[in-house]
Amino acid sequence: MNDSPATTRSAAETAVVDPRLLEILVCPLTKTTLRYDRERNELVSLAAHLAYPIRDGIPIMLPEEARRIEE
């Protein structure tokens, strides 16, 4: 099977985020709690309609790096 780079994730990209970190992180725009989406490896702010990526096990909490979501 020949997966494209966009769909293939390295072990570092899919690393589990420390649950203690998830307890203290909030959306930088709305200051609301975030939901961890394990399948997409993102932290989701339902209030801001943004999904913040997690790269190499590090949440990237920059709105300009976030993916816009419609939920």
C-alpha atoms as a PDB file:
ATOM      1  CA  MET A   1       0.000   0.000   0.000  1.00  0.00           C
ATOM      2  CA  ASN A   2       1.376   3.394  -0.982  1.00  0.00           C
ATOM      3  CA  ASP A   3       0.163   6.024   1.480  1.00  0.00           C
ATOM      4  CA  SER A   4       0.667   9.666   0.622  1.00  0.00           C
ATOM      5  CA  PRO A   5       2.671  11.804   3.077  1.00  0.00           C
ATOM      6  CA  ALA A   6      -0.498  13.712   3.959  1.00  0.00           C
ATOM      7  CA  THR A   7      -2.177  10.574   5.323  1.00  0.00           C
ATOM      8  CA  THR A   8       0.835   8.867   6.879  1.00  0.00           C
ATOM      9  CA  ARG A   9       1.685   9.876  10.442  1.00  0.00           C
ATOM     10  CA  SER A  10       4.924   9.184  12.239  1.00  0.00           C
ATOM     11  CA  ALA A  11       4.989   7.757  15.754  1.00  0.00           C
ATOM     12  CA  ALA A  12       5.951  11.203  17.081  1.00  0.00           C
ATOM     13  CA  GLU A  13       2.944  12.829  15.410  1.00  0.00           C
ATOM     14  CA  THR A  14       0.548  10.339  16.964  1.00  0.00           C
ATOM     15  CA  ALA A  15       2.157  10.412  20.416  1.00  0.00           C
ATOM     16  CA  VAL A  16      -0.330  10.556  23.267  1.00  0.00           C
ATOM     17  CA  VAL A  17      -0.635  13.909  24.992  1.00  0.00           C
ATOM     18  CA  ASP A  18      -0.014  13.955  28.741  1.00  0.00           C
ATOM     19  CA  PRO A  19      -3.461  14.008  30.450  1.00  0.00           C
ATOM     20  CA  ARG A  20      -2.148  16.493  33.038  1.00  0.00           C
ATOM     21  CA  LEU A  21      -1.358  18.899  30.211  1.00  0.00           C
ATOM     22  CA  LEU A  22      -4.877  18.520  28.827  1.00  0.00           C
ATOM     23  CA  GLU A  23      -6.292  19.491  32.220  1.00  0.00           C
ATOM     24  CA  ILE A  24      -4.584  22.900  32.188  1.00  0.00           C
ATOM     25  CA  LEU A  25      -4.657  23.863  28.503  1.00  0.00           C
ATOM     26  CA  VAL A  26      -7.420  26.170  27.304  1.00  0.00           C
ATOM     27  CA  CYS A  27      -8.219  27.797  23.994  1.00  0.00           C
ATOM     28  CA  PRO A  28      -6.054  30.928  23.649  1.00  0.00           C
ATOM     29  CA  LEU A  29      -8.957  32.853  22.105  1.00  0.00           C
ATOM     30  CA  THR A  30     -11.932  31.871  24.249  1.00  0.00           C
ATOM     31  CA  LYS A  31     -10.202  30.532  27.398  1.00  0.00           C
ATOM     32  CA  THR A  32     -12.559  27.537  27.299  1.00  0.00           C
ATOM     33  CA  THR A  33     -11.601  23.892  27.783  1.00  0.00           C
ATOM     34  CA  LEU A  34     -10.393  21.808  24.871  1.00  0.00           C
ATOM     35  CA  ARG A  35     -11.454  18.356  23.711  1.00  0.00           C
ATOM     36  CA  TYR A  36      -8.733  15.934  22.640  1.00  0.00           C
ATOM     37  CA  ASP A  37      -9.446  14.310  19.277  1.00  0.00           C
ATOM     38  CA  ARG A  38      -7.193  11.255  19.338  1.00  0.00           C
ATOM     39  CA  GLU A  39      -8.050  10.212  15.770  1.00  0.00           C
ATOM     40  CA  ARG A  40      -6.950  13.542  14.250  1.00  0.00           C
ATOM     41  CA  ASN A  41      -4.349  14.278  16.934  1.00  0.00           C
ATOM     42  CA  GLU A  42      -5.804  17.720  17.654  1.00  0.00           C
ATOM     43  CA  LEU A  43      -7.140  19.786  20.530  1.00  0.00           C
ATOM     44  CA  VAL A  44     -10.578  21.079  19.643  1.00  0.00           C
ATOM     45  CA  SER A  45     -12.134  24.323  20.845  1.00  0.00           C
ATOM     46  CA  LEU A  46     -15.853  24.046  20.235  1.00  0.00           C
ATOM     47  CA  ALA A  47     -16.346  27.677  21.302  1.00  0.00           C
ATOM     48  CA  ALA A  48     -13.847  29.027  18.745  1.00  0.00           C
ATOM     49  CA  HIS A  49     -14.580  26.377  16.075  1.00  0.00           C
ATOM     50  CA  LEU A  50     -10.857  25.654  15.836  1.00  0.00           C
ATOM     51  CA  ALA A  51      -8.759  22.495  16.044  1.00  0.00           C
ATOM     52  CA  TYR A  52      -5.180  23.007  17.222  1.00  0.00           C
ATOM     53  CA  PRO A  53      -2.675  20.489  15.845  1.00  0.00           C
ATOM     54  CA  ILE A  54      -0.354  18.404  17.988  1.00  0.00           C
ATOM     55  CA  ARG A  55       3.088  17.988  16.437  1.00  0.00           C
ATOM     56  CA  ASP A  56       5.772  15.766  17.948  1.00  0.00           C
ATOM     57  CA  GLY A  57       3.609  15.508  21.067  1.00  0.00           C
ATOM     58  CA  ILE A  58       3.469  19.317  21.473  1.00  0.00           C
ATOM     59  CA  PRO A  59       0.152  21.174  21.145  1.00  0.00           C
ATOM     60  CA  ILE A  60       0.503  24.121  18.761  1.00  0.00           C
ATOM     61  CA  MET A  61      -1.762  26.680  20.423  1.00  0.00           C
ATOM     62  CA  LEU A  62      -1.548  29.357  17.740  1.00  0.00           C
ATOM     63  CA  PRO A  63      -4.849  30.380  16.113  1.00  0.00           C
ATOM     64  CA  GLU A  64      -3.089  30.892  12.763  1.00  0.00           C
ATOM     65  CA  GLU A  65      -1.952  27.220  12.869  1.00  0.00           C
ATOM     66  CA  ALA A  66      -5.398  25.905  13.794  1.00  0.00           C
ATOM     67  CA  ARG A  67      -7.809  24.220  11.425  1.00  0.00           C
ATOM     68  CA  ARG A  68     -11.269  25.800  11.132  1.00  0.00           C
ATOM     69  CA  ILE A  69     -14.050  23.357  12.018  1.00  0.00           C
ATOM     70  CA  GLU A  70     -17.802  23.366  11.562  1.00  0.00           C
ATOM     71  CA  GLU A  71     -19.465  21.540  14.460  1.00  0.00           C
END
